[in-house]
Amino acid sequence: MPYQVTFADSSTINVVINDKEIFPDTFEVKVLHSDSYIPVNDRFYLLDEPADGSTVKVRFKDGAMAGVAYPYVANVYLKLEDKN
């Protein structure tokens, strides 16, 4: 996402892993967004979901942020940890 996500931004995201809803359709992206001041390893939400053969579905709805140049890139990063 662009680094300048405003409080008024209304972009939403829906994330489903293995048919389990992690974030609902109305979940605001600004809650997940972080900038370069946040250490990389602190930018993740911890989930206890199996990775082997999992299906991840992400649906993003743009909230038409004022002043943002289109098109822009929205990235979703997943961090896999071996619990063994």
Protein backbone atom coordinates (compact mmCIF):
# COMPACT_ATOMS: atom_id res chain seq x y z
CA MET A 1 0.00 0.00 0.00
CA PRO A 2 1.13 3.58 -0.40
CA TYR A 3 2.87 4.73 2.80
CA GLN A 4 0.53 7.67 3.30
CA VAL A 5 -2.67 5.82 4.27
CA THR A 6 -5.00 8.40 5.81
CA PHE A 7 -7.42 7.94 8.69
CA ALA A 8 -10.28 8.52 6.23
CA ASP A 9 -9.16 5.66 3.94
CA SER A 10 -11.94 3.12 3.50
CA SER A 11 -10.05 0.31 1.73
CA THR A 12 -11.06 -3.12 3.01
CA ILE A 13 -9.59 -6.61 2.89
CA ASN A 14 -10.99 -10.10 3.31
CA VAL A 15 -8.59 -12.95 4.11
CA VAL A 16 -9.61 -16.61 4.19
CA ILE A 17 -7.25 -19.50 4.95
CA ASN A 18 -8.54 -23.04 4.40
CA ASP A 19 -12.13 -21.73 4.30
CA LYS A 20 -11.64 -20.08 7.74
CA GLU A 21 -12.27 -16.34 7.66
CA ILE A 22 -9.30 -14.52 9.24
CA PHE A 23 -10.39 -10.96 8.38
CA PRO A 24 -14.02 -10.25 7.31
CA ASP A 25 -15.03 -8.34 4.14
CA THR A 26 -15.30 -5.09 6.09
CA PHE A 27 -11.86 -5.25 7.76
CA GLU A 28 -10.09 -1.92 7.24
CA VAL A 29 -6.68 -2.13 5.57
CA LYS A 30 -5.39 0.84 7.59
CA VAL A 31 -5.46 -1.41 10.68
CA LEU A 32 -3.00 -3.82 8.99
CA HIS A 33 -0.86 -1.21 7.28
CA SER A 34 2.60 -0.40 8.62
CA ASP A 35 5.32 1.94 7.46
CA SER A 36 9.10 1.82 7.44
CA TYR A 37 9.27 2.80 11.14
CA ILE A 38 7.93 -0.61 12.20
CA PRO A 39 10.58 -3.38 12.33
CA VAL A 40 9.97 -6.03 9.66
CA ASN A 41 9.37 -8.86 12.15
CA ASP A 42 6.78 -6.77 14.02
CA ARG A 43 4.59 -6.28 10.94
CA PHE A 44 2.86 -9.66 11.13
CA TYR A 45 -0.36 -10.85 12.77
CA LEU A 46 0.27 -14.22 14.38
CA LEU A 47 -2.01 -17.04 13.29
CA ASP A 48 -1.92 -20.70 14.24
CA GLU A 49 -2.95 -22.17 10.89
CA PRO A 50 -1.37 -25.16 9.13
CA ALA A 51 0.59 -24.26 6.01
CA ASP A 52 0.94 -27.62 4.28
CA GLY A 53 -1.48 -27.59 1.33
CA SER A 54 -3.34 -24.53 2.62
CA THR A 55 -5.40 -22.27 0.40
CA VAL A 56 -5.12 -18.53 1.02
CA LYS A 57 -7.70 -16.19 -0.53
CA VAL A 58 -7.34 -12.42 -0.32
CA ARG A 59 -9.92 -9.93 -1.59
CA PHE A 60 -9.03 -6.23 -1.55
CA LYS A 61 -11.48 -3.39 -2.14
CA ASP A 62 -9.95 -0.01 -2.89
CA GLY A 63 -11.31 2.88 -0.85
CA ALA A 64 -10.24 5.55 -3.37
CA MET A 65 -7.63 7.30 -1.22
CA ALA A 66 -7.34 10.97 -2.07
CA GLY A 67 -4.00 11.97 -3.58
CA VAL A 68 -2.89 8.42 -4.44
CA ALA A 69 -1.55 7.84 -7.95
CA TYR A 70 -3.22 4.92 -9.71
CA PRO A 71 -2.38 2.21 -10.34
CA TYR A 72 -0.58 1.35 -7.11
CA VAL A 73 0.60 -1.92 -5.63
CA ALA A 74 -0.86 -3.58 -2.53
CA ASN A 75 1.32 -6.41 -1.19
CA VAL A 76 0.40 -9.15 1.26
CA TYR A 77 3.30 -10.94 2.94
CA LEU A 78 2.98 -14.32 4.63
CA LYS A 79 5.68 -15.53 7.02
CA LEU A 80 5.93 -19.29 7.50
CA GLU A 81 7.44 -20.62 10.72
CA ASP A 82 8.47 -24.18 11.43
CA LYS A 83 7.15 -25.08 14.89
CA ASN A 84 9.23 -28.26 15.18
